[in-house]
Amino acid sequence: NFEEAFQKALRMVDENVNGFDPNAKKIGFSDKQIAAAIKSTELAVRKLREEYKITPFVKQIDTVAAEWPASTNYLYLTYNGSTHDLEFPGNFVMVLGSGVYRIGSSVEFDWCA
């Protein structure tokens, strides 16, 4: 079942895992998936995540492979990070876009719709 598969995947990262693991977000599980695995609710998992101070970080894609300084910001959010790639002068971040990156489409068209 899903719970066993989830726990097995987490134990591959840390064999001592039993129940909620803060690293689950870093390896890509959604709050909903974590909730299903530990027989809880999405809201309860979100509260746990906030309690553990697990928040996403803003990362930047270097679209020119460091050949010269990139003048465009292609940004994404990830839980698998420890710092932001950019500095933010205020306390808020607004990310605008039409959806997630799809395999086979180029980055510049992903956020155009």
N, C-alpha and C. Protein backbone atom coordinates (compact mmCIF):
# COMPACT_ATOMS: atom_id res chain seq x y z
N ASN A 1 0.83 -1.19 0.00
CA ASN A 1 0.00 0.00 0.00
C ASN A 1 0.87 1.25 0.00
N PHE A 2 0.23 2.40 -0.15
CA PHE A 2 0.98 3.65 -0.27
C PHE A 2 1.78 3.96 0.98
N GLU A 3 1.19 3.74 2.16
CA GLU A 3 1.90 4.07 3.41
C GLU A 3 3.20 3.28 3.51
N GLU A 4 3.15 1.99 3.20
CA GLU A 4 4.37 1.17 3.27
C GLU A 4 5.41 1.64 2.26
N ALA A 5 4.96 1.96 1.05
CA ALA A 5 5.89 2.44 0.02
C ALA A 5 6.51 3.77 0.43
N PHE A 6 5.70 4.64 1.01
CA PHE A 6 6.19 5.94 1.46
C PHE A 6 7.23 5.77 2.55
N GLN A 7 6.92 4.96 3.55
CA GLN A 7 7.86 4.73 4.64
C GLN A 7 9.15 4.07 4.13
N LYS A 8 9.01 3.15 3.18
CA LYS A 8 10.19 2.50 2.60
C LYS A 8 11.06 3.52 1.89
N ALA A 9 10.43 4.42 1.12
CA ALA A 9 11.19 5.46 0.42
C ALA A 9 11.91 6.36 1.40
N LEU A 10 11.25 6.72 2.49
CA LEU A 10 11.89 7.56 3.50
C LEU A 10 13.03 6.83 4.19
N ARG A 11 12.85 5.54 4.45
CA ARG A 11 13.91 4.77 5.11
C ARG A 11 15.13 4.60 4.22
N MET A 12 14.95 4.74 2.91
CA MET A 12 16.11 4.69 2.00
C MET A 12 17.00 5.91 2.24
N VAL A 13 16.40 7.01 2.67
CA VAL A 13 17.15 8.22 2.98
C VAL A 13 17.69 8.15 4.40
N ASP A 14 16.86 7.68 5.33
CA ASP A 14 17.26 7.57 6.74
C ASP A 14 16.57 6.35 7.33
N GLU A 15 17.33 5.33 7.69
CA GLU A 15 16.74 4.07 8.14
C GLU A 15 15.99 4.18 9.47
N ASN A 16 16.14 5.28 10.19
CA ASN A 16 15.46 5.45 11.48
C ASN A 16 14.11 6.14 11.36
N VAL A 17 13.64 6.38 10.15
CA VAL A 17 12.39 7.11 9.95
C VAL A 17 11.20 6.26 10.35
N ASN A 18 10.30 6.86 11.11
CA ASN A 18 9.03 6.22 11.44
C ASN A 18 8.02 7.34 11.68
N GLY A 19 7.06 7.51 10.78
CA GLY A 19 6.10 8.60 10.91
C GLY A 19 6.54 9.81 10.10
N PHE A 20 6.20 11.00 10.56
CA PHE A 20 6.52 12.22 9.84
C PHE A 20 8.03 12.45 9.82
N ASP A 21 8.55 12.69 8.65
CA ASP A 21 9.97 12.98 8.50
C ASP A 21 10.12 14.32 7.79
N PRO A 22 10.80 15.27 8.41
CA PRO A 22 10.97 16.58 7.77
C PRO A 22 11.64 16.51 6.40
N ASN A 23 12.42 15.47 6.13
CA ASN A 23 13.09 15.34 4.83
C ASN A 23 12.15 14.92 3.71
N ALA A 24 10.94 14.51 4.05
CA ALA A 24 9.99 14.07 3.02
C ALA A 24 9.73 15.17 2.00
N LYS A 25 9.66 16.42 2.44
CA LYS A 25 9.45 17.52 1.50
C LYS A 25 10.65 17.69 0.59
N LYS A 26 11.85 17.54 1.14
CA LYS A 26 13.06 17.72 0.33
C LYS A 26 13.16 16.70 -0.79
N ILE A 27 12.63 15.51 -0.55
CA ILE A 27 12.74 14.49 -1.59
C ILE A 27 11.50 14.44 -2.49
N GLY A 28 10.60 15.44 -2.33
CA GLY A 28 9.55 15.63 -3.32
C GLY A 28 8.14 15.23 -2.96
N PHE A 29 7.87 14.78 -1.75
CA PHE A 29 6.51 14.39 -1.39
C PHE A 29 5.67 15.62 -1.07
N SER A 30 4.41 15.60 -1.50
CA SER A 30 3.49 16.70 -1.20
C SER A 30 2.93 16.52 0.20
N ASP A 31 2.35 17.59 0.74
CA ASP A 31 1.71 17.49 2.05
C ASP A 31 0.61 16.44 2.03
N LYS A 32 -0.11 16.36 0.93
CA LYS A 32 -1.20 15.39 0.80
C LYS A 32 -0.67 13.96 0.85
N GLN A 33 0.44 13.69 0.16
CA GLN A 33 1.03 12.35 0.17
C GLN A 33 1.54 11.99 1.56
N ILE A 34 2.18 12.95 2.22
CA ILE A 34 2.69 12.70 3.57
C ILE A 34 1.52 12.42 4.51
N ALA A 35 0.45 13.21 4.39
CA ALA A 35 -0.73 13.01 5.23
C ALA A 35 -1.31 11.62 5.05
N ALA A 36 -1.42 11.17 3.80
CA ALA A 36 -1.95 9.83 3.54
C ALA A 36 -1.07 8.76 4.17
N ALA A 37 0.23 8.95 4.09
CA ALA A 37 1.17 7.95 4.60
C ALA A 37 1.17 7.85 6.11
N ILE A 38 0.97 8.97 6.78
CA ILE A 38 1.01 8.93 8.25
C ILE A 38 -0.40 8.99 8.85
N LYS A 39 -1.41 8.77 7.97
CA LYS A 39 -2.81 8.76 8.39
C LYS A 39 -3.18 10.04 9.14
N SER A 40 -2.99 11.14 8.46
CA SER A 40 -3.27 12.45 9.04
C SER A 40 -3.97 13.29 7.98
N THR A 41 -4.01 14.59 8.18
CA THR A 41 -4.62 15.49 7.20
C THR A 41 -3.56 16.41 6.62
N GLU A 42 -3.89 16.97 5.46
CA GLU A 42 -2.98 17.92 4.83
C GLU A 42 -2.70 19.11 5.75
N LEU A 43 -3.76 19.59 6.40
CA LEU A 43 -3.61 20.74 7.29
C LEU A 43 -2.68 20.41 8.47
N ALA A 44 -2.82 19.21 9.03
CA ALA A 44 -1.95 18.81 10.14
C ALA A 44 -0.50 18.72 9.69
N VAL A 45 -0.28 18.19 8.48
CA VAL A 45 1.09 18.10 7.95
C VAL A 45 1.65 19.49 7.71
N ARG A 46 0.81 20.38 7.18
CA ARG A 46 1.27 21.76 6.96
C ARG A 46 1.68 22.41 8.28
N LYS A 47 0.89 22.19 9.32
CA LYS A 47 1.22 22.76 10.64
C LYS A 47 2.53 22.18 11.16
N LEU A 48 2.74 20.87 10.96
CA LEU A 48 4.01 20.25 11.36
C LEU A 48 5.16 20.86 10.58
N ARG A 49 4.94 21.03 9.28
CA ARG A 49 5.98 21.61 8.42
C ARG A 49 6.34 23.02 8.89
N GLU A 50 5.32 23.80 9.22
CA GLU A 50 5.57 25.15 9.72
C GLU A 50 6.27 25.12 11.07
N GLU A 51 5.89 24.15 11.91
CA GLU A 51 6.53 24.00 13.23
C GLU A 51 8.02 23.68 13.09
N TYR A 52 8.33 22.83 12.10
CA TYR A 52 9.73 22.47 11.83
C TYR A 52 10.44 23.54 11.00
N LYS A 53 9.72 24.60 10.65
CA LYS A 53 10.24 25.70 9.83
C LYS A 53 10.74 25.20 8.46
N ILE A 54 9.95 24.30 7.86
CA ILE A 54 10.26 23.77 6.54
C ILE A 54 9.52 24.64 5.52
N THR A 55 10.27 25.48 4.83
CA THR A 55 9.69 26.40 3.86
C THR A 55 10.43 26.26 2.53
N PRO A 56 9.77 26.62 1.43
CA PRO A 56 10.45 26.53 0.14
C PRO A 56 11.47 27.64 -0.04
N PHE A 57 12.45 27.37 -0.88
CA PHE A 57 13.48 28.35 -1.22
C PHE A 57 13.36 28.68 -2.70
N VAL A 58 13.69 29.92 -3.04
CA VAL A 58 13.65 30.38 -4.43
C VAL A 58 15.01 30.09 -5.06
N LYS A 59 14.99 29.37 -6.16
CA LYS A 59 16.21 29.05 -6.90
C LYS A 59 16.12 29.65 -8.30
N GLN A 60 17.26 29.92 -8.88
CA GLN A 60 17.33 30.55 -10.20
C GLN A 60 17.98 29.59 -11.18
N ILE A 61 17.41 29.52 -12.37
CA ILE A 61 17.97 28.69 -13.44
C ILE A 61 18.90 29.56 -14.27
N ASP A 62 20.13 29.13 -14.42
CA ASP A 62 21.09 29.85 -15.27
C ASP A 62 20.86 29.41 -16.71
N THR A 63 20.17 30.23 -17.47
CA THR A 63 19.77 29.86 -18.83
C THR A 63 20.88 30.00 -19.85
N VAL A 64 22.02 30.56 -19.46
CA VAL A 64 23.12 30.73 -20.41
C VAL A 64 24.36 29.94 -19.98
N ALA A 65 24.19 29.00 -19.07
CA ALA A 65 25.26 28.10 -18.63
C ALA A 65 26.53 28.83 -18.22
N ALA A 66 26.37 29.95 -17.54
CA ALA A 66 27.49 30.75 -17.01
C ALA A 66 28.42 31.29 -18.09
N GLU A 67 27.96 31.35 -19.34
CA GLU A 67 28.79 31.93 -20.41
C GLU A 67 28.94 33.43 -20.22
N TRP A 68 27.90 34.07 -19.68
CA TRP A 68 27.92 35.49 -19.34
C TRP A 68 26.81 35.69 -18.31
N PRO A 69 26.76 36.84 -17.65
CA PRO A 69 25.71 37.05 -16.64
C PRO A 69 24.31 37.00 -17.26
N ALA A 70 23.44 36.21 -16.68
CA ALA A 70 22.07 36.10 -17.18
C ALA A 70 21.28 37.34 -16.82
N SER A 71 20.56 37.89 -17.78
CA SER A 71 19.77 39.09 -17.52
C SER A 71 18.30 38.76 -17.26
N THR A 72 17.93 37.50 -17.39
CA THR A 72 16.55 37.09 -17.16
C THR A 72 16.49 36.23 -15.90
N ASN A 73 15.37 36.31 -15.23
CA ASN A 73 15.18 35.50 -14.03
C ASN A 73 14.18 34.39 -14.31
N TYR A 74 14.66 33.18 -14.45
CA TYR A 74 13.80 32.01 -14.48
C TYR A 74 13.94 31.40 -13.10
N LEU A 75 12.87 31.49 -12.33
CA LEU A 75 12.92 31.10 -10.93
C LEU A 75 11.99 29.92 -10.68
N TYR A 76 12.30 29.15 -9.64
CA TYR A 76 11.41 28.09 -9.19
C TYR A 76 11.52 27.95 -7.68
N LEU A 77 10.51 27.34 -7.09
CA LEU A 77 10.51 27.09 -5.65
C LEU A 77 10.82 25.63 -5.39
N THR A 78 11.60 25.36 -4.36
CA THR A 78 11.92 24.00 -3.98
C THR A 78 12.07 23.90 -2.47
N TYR A 79 11.74 22.74 -1.94
CA TYR A 79 11.99 22.48 -0.52
C TYR A 79 13.38 21.89 -0.33
N ASN A 80 14.03 21.55 -1.42
CA ASN A 80 15.36 20.94 -1.36
C ASN A 80 16.42 22.03 -1.50
N GLY A 81 16.53 22.85 -0.49
CA GLY A 81 17.50 23.93 -0.49
C GLY A 81 17.71 24.45 0.92
N SER A 82 18.70 25.30 1.07
CA SER A 82 18.95 25.88 2.39
C SER A 82 19.06 27.40 2.34
N THR A 83 19.18 27.95 1.12
CA THR A 83 19.23 29.40 0.95
C THR A 83 18.52 29.78 -0.35
N HIS A 84 18.11 31.04 -0.43
CA HIS A 84 17.55 31.57 -1.67
C HIS A 84 18.71 31.95 -2.59
N ASP A 85 18.49 31.83 -3.90
CA ASP A 85 19.49 32.28 -4.86
C ASP A 85 19.46 33.79 -5.05
N LEU A 86 18.38 34.43 -4.62
CA LEU A 86 18.22 35.88 -4.77
C LEU A 86 18.00 36.50 -3.39
N GLU A 87 18.25 37.80 -3.32
CA GLU A 87 17.93 38.53 -2.09
C GLU A 87 16.61 39.26 -2.31
N PHE A 88 15.80 39.29 -1.27
CA PHE A 88 14.51 39.95 -1.35
C PHE A 88 14.50 41.12 -0.37
N PRO A 89 14.21 42.33 -0.87
CA PRO A 89 14.27 43.50 0.00
C PRO A 89 13.13 43.57 1.02
N GLY A 90 12.01 42.91 0.77
CA GLY A 90 10.87 42.96 1.68
C GLY A 90 10.60 41.60 2.30
N ASN A 91 9.43 41.47 2.87
CA ASN A 91 9.06 40.22 3.52
C ASN A 91 8.19 39.33 2.66
N PHE A 92 7.91 39.74 1.42
CA PHE A 92 6.99 39.00 0.59
C PHE A 92 7.61 38.65 -0.76
N VAL A 93 7.12 37.54 -1.32
CA VAL A 93 7.55 37.11 -2.65
C VAL A 93 6.29 36.79 -3.44
N MET A 94 6.21 37.26 -4.68
CA MET A 94 5.10 36.92 -5.54
C MET A 94 5.67 36.17 -6.74
N VAL A 95 5.14 34.98 -6.98
CA VAL A 95 5.57 34.19 -8.12
C VAL A 95 4.39 34.10 -9.07
N LEU A 96 4.57 34.57 -10.29
CA LEU A 96 3.52 34.52 -11.30
C LEU A 96 3.90 33.50 -12.35
N GLY A 97 2.93 32.69 -12.75
CA GLY A 97 3.20 31.70 -13.78
C GLY A 97 1.95 30.92 -14.09
N SER A 98 1.98 30.19 -15.18
CA SER A 98 0.79 29.45 -15.60
C SER A 98 0.83 27.99 -15.20
N GLY A 99 1.91 27.52 -14.65
CA GLY A 99 1.94 26.12 -14.25
C GLY A 99 3.34 25.59 -14.14
N VAL A 100 3.42 24.30 -14.02
CA VAL A 100 4.70 23.64 -13.82
C VAL A 100 5.40 23.41 -15.15
N TYR A 101 6.69 23.16 -15.09
CA TYR A 101 7.48 22.86 -16.29
C TYR A 101 7.07 21.50 -16.82
N ARG A 102 6.87 21.42 -18.11
CA ARG A 102 6.48 20.16 -18.74
C ARG A 102 7.64 19.64 -19.57
N ILE A 103 7.90 18.36 -19.45
CA ILE A 103 8.97 17.75 -20.22
C ILE A 103 8.66 17.93 -21.70
N GLY A 104 9.64 18.38 -22.45
CA GLY A 104 9.47 18.56 -23.88
C GLY A 104 9.20 19.99 -24.28
N SER A 105 8.87 20.84 -23.33
CA SER A 105 8.68 22.25 -23.67
C SER A 105 9.89 23.03 -23.19
N SER A 106 10.17 24.11 -23.86
CA SER A 106 11.33 24.89 -23.44
C SER A 106 10.92 25.86 -22.34
N VAL A 107 11.88 26.23 -21.52
CA VAL A 107 11.61 27.05 -20.34
C VAL A 107 10.92 28.36 -20.69
N GLU A 108 11.34 29.01 -21.78
CA GLU A 108 10.78 30.33 -22.08
C GLU A 108 9.30 30.27 -22.44
N PHE A 109 8.80 29.11 -22.89
CA PHE A 109 7.39 29.00 -23.23
C PHE A 109 6.55 28.50 -22.07
N ASP A 110 7.18 27.98 -21.05
CA ASP A 110 6.45 27.40 -19.93
C ASP A 110 5.61 28.43 -19.20
N TRP A 111 6.09 29.66 -19.06
CA TRP A 111 5.40 30.67 -18.27
C TRP A 111 4.67 31.70 -19.15
N CYS A 112 4.40 31.39 -20.42
CA CYS A 112 3.84 32.38 -21.34
C CYS A 112 2.31 32.44 -21.35
N ALA A 113 1.64 31.38 -21.01
CA ALA A 113 0.18 31.31 -21.20
C ALA A 113 -0.58 32.33 -20.39
